[in-house]
């Protein structure tokens, strides 16, 4: 049975750069993405969410508002 595949939307510049890679480079990118996705979806996720929530709370306490955040992004 073949491995399942997913589709990830990319901006045109990134897609073009990926298409230009050699098969060996694409294989390495694939391996890195698999490891990264596993890490993000493993039991470490609650810890990551906790850290992000703490960072958000600290930013609010220091005066960061939604309006300021949007202007930065």
PDB file of N, CA and C in Angstrom:
ATOM      1  N   UNK A   1       0.843  -1.177   0.000  1.00  0.00           N
ATOM      2  CA  UNK A   1       0.000   0.000   0.000  1.00  0.00           C
ATOM      3  C   UNK A   1       0.891   1.245   0.000  1.00  0.00           C
ATOM      4  N   UNK A   2       0.652   2.181  -0.922  1.00  0.00           N
ATOM      5  CA  UNK A   2       1.479   3.393  -0.970  1.00  0.00           C
ATOM      6  C   UNK A   2       1.200   4.304   0.219  1.00  0.00           C
ATOM      7  N   UNK A   3       2.177   5.143   0.516  1.00  0.00           N
ATOM      8  CA  UNK A   3       2.003   6.114   1.598  1.00  0.00           C
ATOM      9  C   UNK A   3       0.947   7.135   1.209  1.00  0.00           C
ATOM     10  N   UNK A   4       0.121   7.556   2.162  1.00  0.00           N
ATOM     11  CA  UNK A   4      -0.856   8.600   1.855  1.00  0.00           C
ATOM     12  C   UNK A   4      -0.142   9.909   1.538  1.00  0.00           C
ATOM     13  N   UNK A   5      -0.792  10.763   0.763  1.00  0.00           N
ATOM     14  CA  UNK A   5      -0.217  12.058   0.390  1.00  0.00           C
ATOM     15  C   UNK A   5      -1.145  13.169   0.858  1.00  0.00           C
ATOM     16  N   UNK A   6      -0.558  14.323   1.127  1.00  0.00           N
ATOM     17  CA  UNK A   6      -1.333  15.512   1.458  1.00  0.00           C
ATOM     18  C   UNK A   6      -0.919  16.623   0.508  1.00  0.00           C
ATOM     19  N   UNK A   7      -1.755  17.623   0.386  1.00  0.00           N
ATOM     20  CA  UNK A   7      -1.451  18.778  -0.456  1.00  0.00           C
ATOM     21  C   UNK A   7      -1.299  19.989   0.449  1.00  0.00           C
ATOM     22  N   UNK A   8      -0.218  20.722   0.251  1.00  0.00           N
ATOM     23  CA  UNK A   8       0.035  21.925   1.045  1.00  0.00           C
ATOM     24  C   UNK A   8       0.134  23.107   0.087  1.00  0.00           C
ATOM     25  N   UNK A   9      -0.744  24.089   0.226  1.00  0.00           N
ATOM     26  CA  UNK A   9      -0.676  25.259  -0.649  1.00  0.00           C
ATOM     27  C   UNK A   9       0.619  26.044  -0.397  1.00  0.00           C
ATOM     28  N   UNK A  10       1.233  26.493  -1.477  1.00  0.00           N
ATOM     29  CA  UNK A  10       2.462  27.282  -1.392  1.00  0.00           C
ATOM     30  C   UNK A  10       2.320  28.545  -2.220  1.00  0.00           C
ATOM     31  N   UNK A  11       3.101  29.540  -1.877  1.00  0.00           N
ATOM     32  CA  UNK A  11       3.144  30.720  -2.728  1.00  0.00           C
ATOM     33  C   UNK A  11       3.903  30.347  -4.005  1.00  0.00           C
ATOM     34  N   UNK A  12       3.683  31.062  -5.100  1.00  0.00           N
ATOM     35  CA  UNK A  12       4.303  30.706  -6.381  1.00  0.00           C
ATOM     36  C   UNK A  12       5.833  30.624  -6.339  1.00  0.00           C
ATOM     37  N   UNK A  13       6.465  31.527  -5.607  1.00  0.00           N
ATOM     38  CA  UNK A  13       7.928  31.535  -5.542  1.00  0.00           C
ATOM     39  C   UNK A  13       8.457  30.260  -4.880  1.00  0.00           C
ATOM     40  N   UNK A  14       7.827  29.839  -3.795  1.00  0.00           N
ATOM     41  CA  UNK A  14       8.251  28.623  -3.096  1.00  0.00           C
ATOM     42  C   UNK A  14       8.000  27.393  -3.958  1.00  0.00           C
ATOM     43  N   UNK A  15       6.839  27.347  -4.618  1.00  0.00           N
ATOM     44  CA  UNK A  15       6.521  26.214  -5.486  1.00  0.00           C
ATOM     45  C   UNK A  15       7.536  26.102  -6.628  1.00  0.00           C
ATOM     46  N   UNK A  16       7.890  27.224  -7.212  1.00  0.00           N
ATOM     47  CA  UNK A  16       8.872  27.236  -8.308  1.00  0.00           C
ATOM     48  C   UNK A  16      10.237  26.748  -7.811  1.00  0.00           C
ATOM     49  N   UNK A  17      10.625  27.207  -6.629  1.00  0.00           N
ATOM     50  CA  UNK A  17      11.915  26.793  -6.062  1.00  0.00           C
ATOM     51  C   UNK A  17      11.914  25.294  -5.778  1.00  0.00           C
ATOM     52  N   UNK A  18      10.791  24.774  -5.268  1.00  0.00           N
ATOM     53  CA  UNK A  18      10.701  23.338  -4.989  1.00  0.00           C
ATOM     54  C   UNK A  18      10.771  22.540  -6.287  1.00  0.00           C
ATOM     55  N   UNK A  19      10.051  22.984  -7.297  1.00  0.00           N
ATOM     56  CA  UNK A  19      10.055  22.278  -8.579  1.00  0.00           C
ATOM     57  C   UNK A  19      11.451  22.213  -9.197  1.00  0.00           C
ATOM     58  N   UNK A  20      12.291  23.191  -8.889  1.00  0.00           N
ATOM     59  CA  UNK A  20      13.634  23.238  -9.458  1.00  0.00           C
ATOM     60  C   UNK A  20      14.625  22.333  -8.720  1.00  0.00           C
ATOM     61  N   UNK A  21      14.236  21.772  -7.583  1.00  0.00           N
ATOM     62  CA  UNK A  21      15.134  20.925  -6.807  1.00  0.00           C
ATOM     63  C   UNK A  21      15.371  19.581  -7.487  1.00  0.00           C
ATOM     64  N   UNK A  22      16.503  18.998  -7.181  1.00  0.00           N
ATOM     65  CA  UNK A  22      16.799  17.648  -7.667  1.00  0.00           C
ATOM     66  C   UNK A  22      15.963  16.637  -6.879  1.00  0.00           C
ATOM     67  N   UNK A  23      15.798  15.435  -7.412  1.00  0.00           N
ATOM     68  CA  UNK A  23      15.059  14.414  -6.659  1.00  0.00           C
ATOM     69  C   UNK A  23      15.662  14.153  -5.275  1.00  0.00           C
ATOM     70  N   UNK A  24      16.984  14.197  -5.182  1.00  0.00           N
ATOM     71  CA  UNK A  24      17.637  13.987  -3.885  1.00  0.00           C
ATOM     72  C   UNK A  24      17.282  15.107  -2.906  1.00  0.00           C
ATOM     73  N   UNK A  25      17.297  16.351  -3.376  1.00  0.00           N
ATOM     74  CA  UNK A  25      16.946  17.482  -2.517  1.00  0.00           C
ATOM     75  C   UNK A  25      15.478  17.403  -2.094  1.00  0.00           C
ATOM     76  N   UNK A  26      14.606  17.012  -3.021  1.00  0.00           N
ATOM     77  CA  UNK A  26      13.180  16.860  -2.692  1.00  0.00           C
ATOM     78  C   UNK A  26      12.986  15.777  -1.640  1.00  0.00           C
ATOM     79  N   UNK A  27      13.754  14.714  -1.745  1.00  0.00           N
ATOM     80  CA  UNK A  27      13.671  13.628  -0.769  1.00  0.00           C
ATOM     81  C   UNK A  27      14.072  14.119   0.626  1.00  0.00           C
ATOM     82  N   UNK A  28      15.107  14.939   0.684  1.00  0.00           N
ATOM     83  CA  UNK A  28      15.549  15.490   1.968  1.00  0.00           C
ATOM     84  C   UNK A  28      14.503  16.436   2.555  1.00  0.00           C
ATOM     85  N   UNK A  29      13.893  17.269   1.701  1.00  0.00           N
ATOM     86  CA  UNK A  29      12.832  18.171   2.156  1.00  0.00           C
ATOM     87  C   UNK A  29      11.662  17.351   2.693  1.00  0.00           C
ATOM     88  N   UNK A  30      11.314  16.285   1.979  1.00  0.00           N
ATOM     89  CA  UNK A  30      10.223  15.414   2.401  1.00  0.00           C
ATOM     90  C   UNK A  30      10.499  14.846   3.794  1.00  0.00           C
ATOM     91  N   UNK A  31      11.712  14.356   3.998  1.00  0.00           N
ATOM     92  CA  UNK A  31      12.075  13.783   5.297  1.00  0.00           C
ATOM     93  C   UNK A  31      11.973  14.828   6.403  1.00  0.00           C
ATOM     94  N   UNK A  32      12.443  16.043   6.129  1.00  0.00           N
ATOM     95  CA  UNK A  32      12.366  17.112   7.134  1.00  0.00           C
ATOM     96  C   UNK A  32      10.917  17.478   7.449  1.00  0.00           C
ATOM     97  N   UNK A  33      10.076  17.555   6.414  1.00  0.00           N
ATOM     98  CA  UNK A  33       8.673  17.882   6.640  1.00  0.00           C
ATOM     99  C   UNK A  33       7.963  16.799   7.447  1.00  0.00           C
ATOM    100  N   UNK A  34       8.257  15.546   7.147  1.00  0.00           N
ATOM    101  CA  UNK A  34       7.649  14.444   7.888  1.00  0.00           C
ATOM    102  C   UNK A  34       8.016  14.547   9.373  1.00  0.00           C
ATOM    103  N   UNK A  35       9.290  14.769   9.647  1.00  0.00           N
ATOM    104  CA  UNK A  35       9.731  14.884  11.038  1.00  0.00           C
ATOM    105  C   UNK A  35       9.090  16.086  11.726  1.00  0.00           C
ATOM    106  N   UNK A  36       9.014  17.199  11.024  1.00  0.00           N
ATOM    107  CA  UNK A  36       8.445  18.417  11.610  1.00  0.00           C
ATOM    108  C   UNK A  36       6.957  18.240  11.901  1.00  0.00           C
ATOM    109  N   UNK A  37       6.233  17.650  10.951  1.00  0.00           N
ATOM    110  CA  UNK A  37       4.802  17.424  11.165  1.00  0.00           C
ATOM    111  C   UNK A  37       4.548  16.443  12.298  1.00  0.00           C
ATOM    112  N   UNK A  38       5.376  15.418  12.375  1.00  0.00           N
ATOM    113  CA  UNK A  38       5.239  14.475  13.502  1.00  0.00           C
ATOM    114  C   UNK A  38       5.447  15.195  14.819  1.00  0.00           C
ATOM    115  N   UNK A  39       6.452  16.052  14.874  1.00  0.00           N
ATOM    116  CA  UNK A  39       6.734  16.795  16.098  1.00  0.00           C
ATOM    117  C   UNK A  39       5.602  17.726  16.480  1.00  0.00           C
ATOM    118  N   UNK A  40       4.993  18.362  15.491  1.00  0.00           N
ATOM    119  CA  UNK A  40       3.906  19.294  15.772  1.00  0.00           C
ATOM    120  C   UNK A  40       2.622  18.590  16.181  1.00  0.00           C
ATOM    121  N   UNK A  41       2.460  17.359  15.740  1.00  0.00           N
ATOM    122  CA  UNK A  41       1.212  16.651  16.036  1.00  0.00           C
ATOM    123  C   UNK A  41       1.368  15.602  17.130  1.00  0.00           C
ATOM    124  N   UNK A  42       2.536  15.520  17.702  1.00  0.00           N
ATOM    125  CA  UNK A  42       2.764  14.543  18.759  1.00  0.00           C
ATOM    126  C   UNK A  42       2.307  15.097  20.103  1.00  0.00           C
ATOM    127  N   UNK A  43       2.659  14.399  21.150  1.00  0.00           N
ATOM    128  CA  UNK A  43       2.283  14.830  22.494  1.00  0.00           C
ATOM    129  C   UNK A  43       2.927  16.143  22.892  1.00  0.00           C
ATOM    130  N   UNK A  44       3.865  16.641  22.092  1.00  0.00           N
ATOM    131  CA  UNK A  44       4.493  17.921  22.395  1.00  0.00           C
ATOM    132  C   UNK A  44       3.564  19.085  22.087  1.00  0.00           C
ATOM    133  N   UNK A  45       2.525  18.850  21.314  1.00  0.00           N
ATOM    134  CA  UNK A  45       1.623  19.922  20.917  1.00  0.00           C
ATOM    135  C   UNK A  45       1.032  20.654  22.113  1.00  0.00           C
ATOM    136  N   UNK A  46       0.505  19.958  23.134  1.00  0.00           N
ATOM    137  CA  UNK A  46      -0.013  20.713  24.288  1.00  0.00           C
ATOM    138  C   UNK A  46       1.041  21.621  24.914  1.00  0.00           C
ATOM    139  N   UNK A  47       2.282  21.173  24.952  1.00  0.00           N
ATOM    140  CA  UNK A  47       3.346  22.006  25.505  1.00  0.00           C
ATOM    141  C   UNK A  47       3.545  23.234  24.616  1.00  0.00           C
ATOM    142  N   UNK A  48       3.523  23.033  23.301  1.00  0.00           N
ATOM    143  CA  UNK A  48       3.678  24.153  22.373  1.00  0.00           C
ATOM    144  C   UNK A  48       2.536  25.143  22.544  1.00  0.00           C
ATOM    145  N   UNK A  49       1.324  24.649  22.643  1.00  0.00           N
ATOM    146  CA  UNK A  49       0.168  25.519  22.841  1.00  0.00           C
ATOM    147  C   UNK A  49       0.286  26.298  24.150  1.00  0.00           C
ATOM    148  N   UNK A  50       0.769  25.639  25.188  1.00  0.00           N
ATOM    149  CA  UNK A  50       0.953  26.309  26.477  1.00  0.00           C
ATOM    150  C   UNK A  50       1.966  27.446  26.344  1.00  0.00           C
ATOM    151  N   UNK A  51       3.054  27.183  25.657  1.00  0.00           N
ATOM    152  CA  UNK A  51       4.089  28.206  25.463  1.00  0.00           C
ATOM    153  C   UNK A  51       3.538  29.381  24.664  1.00  0.00           C
ATOM    154  N   UNK A  52       2.802  29.083  23.582  1.00  0.00           N
ATOM    155  CA  UNK A  52       2.239  30.151  22.770  1.00  0.00           C
ATOM    156  C   UNK A  52       1.229  30.979  23.559  1.00  0.00           C
ATOM    157  N   UNK A  53       0.438  30.321  24.380  1.00  0.00           N
ATOM    158  CA  UNK A  53      -0.515  31.051  25.225  1.00  0.00           C
ATOM    159  C   UNK A  53       0.206  31.957  26.213  1.00  0.00           C
ATOM    160  N   UNK A  54       1.284  31.467  26.802  1.00  0.00           N
ATOM    161  CA  UNK A  54       2.059  32.281  27.740  1.00  0.00           C
ATOM    162  C   UNK A  54       2.653  33.498  27.045  1.00  0.00           C
ATOM    163  N   UNK A  55       3.179  33.292  25.855  1.00  0.00           N
ATOM    164  CA  UNK A  55       3.759  34.404  25.094  1.00  0.00           C
ATOM    165  C   UNK A  55       2.673  35.436  24.791  1.00  0.00           C
ATOM    166  N   UNK A  56       1.492  34.961  24.388  1.00  0.00           N
ATOM    167  CA  UNK A  56       0.387  35.870  24.114  1.00  0.00           C
ATOM    168  C   UNK A  56      -0.025  36.666  25.335  1.00  0.00           C
ATOM    169  N   UNK A  57      -0.092  36.008  26.474  1.00  0.00           N
ATOM    170  CA  UNK A  57      -0.476  36.691  27.709  1.00  0.00           C
ATOM    171  C   UNK A  57       0.566  37.730  28.112  1.00  0.00           C
ATOM    172  N   UNK A  58       1.825  37.402  27.954  1.00  0.00           N
ATOM    173  CA  UNK A  58       2.893  38.365  28.284  1.00  0.00           C
ATOM    174  C   UNK A  58       2.826  39.568  27.355  1.00  0.00           C
ATOM    175  N   UNK A  59       2.569  39.316  26.067  1.00  0.00           N
ATOM    176  CA  UNK A  59       2.488  40.415  25.106  1.00  0.00           C
ATOM    177  C   UNK A  59       1.335  41.344  25.457  1.00  0.00           C
ATOM    178  N   UNK A  60       0.190  40.784  25.817  1.00  0.00           N
ATOM    179  CA  UNK A  60      -0.961  41.606  26.217  1.00  0.00           C
ATOM    180  C   UNK A  60      -0.633  42.405  27.468  1.00  0.00           C
ATOM    181  N   UNK A  61       0.033  41.773  28.419  1.00  0.00           N
ATOM    182  CA  UNK A  61       0.390  42.462  29.663  1.00  0.00           C
ATOM    183  C   UNK A  61       1.342  43.619  29.404  1.00  0.00           C
ATOM    184  N   UNK A  62       2.113  43.522  28.332  1.00  0.00           N
ATOM    185  CA  UNK A  62       3.069  44.583  27.993  1.00  0.00           C
ATOM    186  C   UNK A  62       2.473  45.607  27.034  1.00  0.00           C
ATOM    187  N   UNK A  63       1.175  45.481  26.755  1.00  0.00           N
ATOM    188  CA  UNK A  63       0.505  46.502  25.964  1.00  0.00           C
ATOM    189  C   UNK A  63       0.236  46.162  24.512  1.00  0.00           C
ATOM    190  N   UNK A  64       0.519  44.961  24.081  1.00  0.00           N
ATOM    191  CA  UNK A  64       0.246  44.592  22.697  1.00  0.00           C
ATOM    192  C   UNK A  64      -1.256  44.408  22.513  1.00  0.00           C
ATOM    193  N   UNK A  65      -1.817  45.150  21.592  1.00  0.00           N
ATOM    194  CA  UNK A  65      -3.239  45.029  21.294  1.00  0.00           C
ATOM    195  C   UNK A  65      -3.409  44.325  19.949  1.00  0.00           C
ATOM    196  N   UNK A  66      -4.633  43.908  19.652  1.00  0.00           N
ATOM    197  CA  UNK A  66      -4.917  43.266  18.368  1.00  0.00           C
ATOM    198  C   UNK A  66      -4.597  44.223  17.220  1.00  0.00           C
ATOM    199  N   UNK A  67      -4.897  45.499  17.408  1.00  0.00           N
ATOM    200  CA  UNK A  67      -4.643  46.506  16.379  1.00  0.00           C
ATOM    201  C   UNK A  67      -3.138  46.646  16.111  1.00  0.00           C
ATOM    202  N   UNK A  68      -2.336  46.677  17.153  1.00  0.00           N
ATOM    203  CA  UNK A  68      -0.884  46.779  16.984  1.00  0.00           C
ATOM    204  C   UNK A  68      -0.361  45.521  16.301  1.00  0.00           C
ATOM    205  N   UNK A  69      -0.840  44.367  16.717  1.00  0.00           N
ATOM    206  CA  UNK A  69      -0.421  43.103  16.115  1.00  0.00           C
ATOM    207  C   UNK A  69      -0.731  43.082  14.625  1.00  0.00           C
ATOM    208  N   UNK A  70      -1.936  43.487  14.250  1.00  0.00           N
ATOM    209  CA  UNK A  70      -2.320  43.502  12.841  1.00  0.00           C
ATOM    210  C   UNK A  70      -1.449  44.458  12.039  1.00  0.00           C
ATOM    211  N   UNK A  71      -1.074  45.590  12.641  1.00  0.00           N
ATOM    212  CA  UNK A  71      -0.227  46.553  11.919  1.00  0.00           C
ATOM    213  C   UNK A  71       1.179  45.998  11.715  1.00  0.00           C
ATOM    214  N   UNK A  72       1.616  45.144  12.642  1.00  0.00           N
ATOM    215  CA  UNK A  72       2.939  44.517  12.512  1.00  0.00           C
ATOM    216  C   UNK A  72       2.943  43.411  11.464  1.00  0.00           C
ATOM    217  N   UNK A  73       1.820  42.730  11.333  1.00  0.00           N
ATOM    218  CA  UNK A  73       1.733  41.637  10.378  1.00  0.00           C
ATOM    219  C   UNK A  73       1.372  42.169   9.023  1.00  0.00           C
TER     220      UNK A  73
END
